[in-house]
Amino acid sequence: MKIHPDTMLLLAVSDLLITDWSSIYTDFLVTRRPIIFMEHRTDLFTNSRGKSLVPPEMRPGIIAKGEEDFFNALAAVLKGKYKIDEDFYDDCLRTIHGNTDGKAAERVIEVIDALIKK
């Protein structure tokens, strides 16, 4: 954190995210790049933090349940053999971020116009 306090800059140049149950994947999700989730002692997270607002089944990417899974996933991504599930990514994006169609400014203008007309 001392060297790179702004993770957004790192995410912008990363080809792949390797994470645990951290919420950083919700930021990386908009890049539509591969994500590998390390599933190790998930009970530590749920016991200490409680249930997440984003359910564990809403993790778009590869869920590696051990060392062999991780290295197989990493090899698949690095060799270009892993393709993201576009539909699942879209569902996760909508659930986590709302409408990501690139038309937010248009929607804001419509709301402002409607308020002005009142």
Protein backbone atom coordinates (compact mmCIF):
# COMPACT_ATOMS: atom_id res chain seq x y z
CA MET A 1 0.00 0.00 0.00
CA LYS A 2 2.89 2.38 0.62
CA ILE A 3 4.18 1.95 -2.93
CA HIS A 4 0.79 1.66 -4.69
CA PRO A 5 -1.97 3.15 -2.51
CA ASP A 6 -4.35 3.49 -5.47
CA THR A 7 -5.27 -0.04 -6.53
CA MET A 8 -7.25 1.31 -9.50
CA LEU A 9 -4.00 2.10 -11.29
CA LEU A 10 -2.78 -1.45 -10.79
CA LEU A 11 -6.09 -2.95 -11.90
CA ALA A 12 -6.07 -0.84 -15.06
CA VAL A 13 -2.80 -2.40 -16.25
CA SER A 14 -3.36 -5.95 -14.98
CA ASP A 15 -4.18 -8.76 -17.39
CA LEU A 16 -5.37 -11.05 -14.60
CA LEU A 17 -6.52 -10.74 -11.01
CA ILE A 18 -5.66 -13.40 -8.45
CA THR A 19 -7.59 -12.87 -5.25
CA ASP A 20 -9.29 -14.55 -2.34
CA TRP A 21 -12.69 -13.37 -1.14
CA SER A 22 -11.58 -9.77 -1.28
CA SER A 23 -14.00 -7.28 -2.78
CA ILE A 24 -11.29 -6.01 -5.13
CA TYR A 25 -12.71 -8.32 -7.78
CA THR A 26 -15.82 -6.13 -7.95
CA ASP A 27 -13.61 -3.28 -9.15
CA PHE A 28 -11.68 -5.50 -11.57
CA LEU A 29 -14.87 -7.01 -12.97
CA VAL A 30 -15.49 -3.99 -15.21
CA THR A 31 -12.26 -4.75 -17.12
CA ARG A 32 -13.79 -8.03 -18.33
CA ARG A 33 -10.43 -9.74 -17.79
CA PRO A 34 -9.87 -13.13 -16.15
CA ILE A 35 -10.10 -13.58 -12.40
CA ILE A 36 -8.78 -16.51 -10.38
CA PHE A 37 -10.25 -16.89 -6.90
CA MET A 38 -8.15 -18.74 -4.35
CA GLU A 39 -10.59 -20.64 -2.17
CA HIS A 40 -8.68 -21.33 1.00
CA ARG A 41 -10.22 -21.50 4.45
CA THR A 42 -13.33 -19.58 3.48
CA ASP A 43 -14.65 -20.13 6.98
CA LEU A 44 -12.05 -17.62 8.23
CA PHE A 45 -13.70 -14.87 6.20
CA THR A 46 -17.30 -15.73 6.99
CA ASN A 47 -16.61 -16.32 10.69
CA SER A 48 -14.69 -13.07 11.18
CA ARG A 49 -16.58 -10.78 8.77
CA GLY A 50 -20.01 -12.33 8.55
CA LYS A 51 -21.93 -13.13 5.40
CA SER A 52 -20.95 -11.06 2.38
CA LEU A 53 -23.47 -8.86 0.58
CA VAL A 54 -22.25 -10.48 -2.65
CA PRO A 55 -22.85 -14.23 -2.39
CA PRO A 56 -19.93 -16.61 -3.00
CA GLU A 57 -21.63 -18.08 -6.06
CA MET A 58 -21.34 -14.64 -7.68
CA ARG A 59 -17.64 -14.94 -8.37
CA PRO A 60 -17.08 -14.71 -12.11
CA GLY A 61 -13.89 -16.48 -12.92
CA ILE A 62 -12.04 -19.61 -11.97
CA ILE A 63 -12.37 -20.83 -8.40
CA ALA A 64 -9.18 -22.66 -7.48
CA LYS A 65 -9.69 -25.00 -4.54
CA GLY A 66 -6.07 -25.91 -4.12
CA GLU A 67 -2.59 -25.62 -5.52
CA GLU A 68 -3.19 -27.88 -8.52
CA ASP A 69 -6.41 -26.05 -9.43
CA PHE A 70 -4.57 -22.74 -9.17
CA PHE A 71 -1.68 -23.73 -11.43
CA ASN A 72 -4.06 -25.29 -13.98
CA ALA A 73 -6.16 -22.11 -13.97
CA LEU A 74 -3.10 -19.91 -14.31
CA ALA A 75 -1.78 -22.00 -17.20
CA ALA A 76 -5.15 -21.83 -18.97
CA VAL A 77 -5.30 -18.05 -18.64
CA LEU A 78 -1.67 -17.46 -19.66
CA LYS A 79 -1.99 -19.76 -22.69
CA GLY A 80 -5.19 -18.04 -23.79
CA LYS A 81 -7.28 -21.17 -23.27
CA TYR A 82 -9.63 -19.63 -20.72
CA LYS A 83 -12.60 -17.69 -21.99
CA ILE A 84 -14.72 -15.71 -19.60
CA ASP A 85 -18.40 -16.55 -19.39
CA GLU A 86 -19.75 -13.32 -20.93
CA ASP A 87 -23.32 -13.89 -19.73
CA PHE A 88 -22.25 -14.59 -16.16
CA TYR A 89 -19.93 -11.56 -16.13
CA ASP A 90 -22.83 -9.43 -17.39
CA ASP A 91 -25.12 -10.77 -14.65
CA CYS A 92 -22.49 -10.05 -12.00
CA LEU A 93 -21.82 -6.58 -13.38
CA ARG A 94 -25.53 -5.71 -13.28
CA THR A 95 -25.95 -7.11 -9.78
CA ILE A 96 -22.85 -5.44 -8.34
CA HIS A 97 -22.63 -2.20 -10.35
CA GLY A 98 -26.11 -1.67 -11.76
CA ASN A 99 -26.51 -0.57 -15.35
CA THR A 100 -23.11 -0.43 -17.05
CA ASP A 101 -24.25 0.34 -20.57
CA GLY A 102 -22.19 3.54 -20.86
CA LYS A 103 -25.27 5.74 -20.89
CA ALA A 104 -25.23 7.00 -17.31
CA ALA A 105 -24.76 10.62 -18.40
CA GLU A 106 -27.84 10.37 -20.63
CA ARG A 107 -29.90 9.04 -17.74
CA VAL A 108 -28.69 11.84 -15.46
CA ILE A 109 -29.63 14.43 -18.09
CA GLU A 110 -33.12 12.92 -18.33
CA VAL A 111 -33.55 13.17 -14.56
CA ILE A 112 -32.32 16.78 -14.52
CA ASP A 113 -34.63 17.67 -17.42
CA ALA A 114 -37.57 16.10 -15.60
CA LEU A 115 -36.74 18.03 -12.42
CA ILE A 116 -36.43 21.31 -14.32
CA LYS A 117 -39.81 20.76 -16.00
CA LYS A 118 -41.56 20.30 -12.62
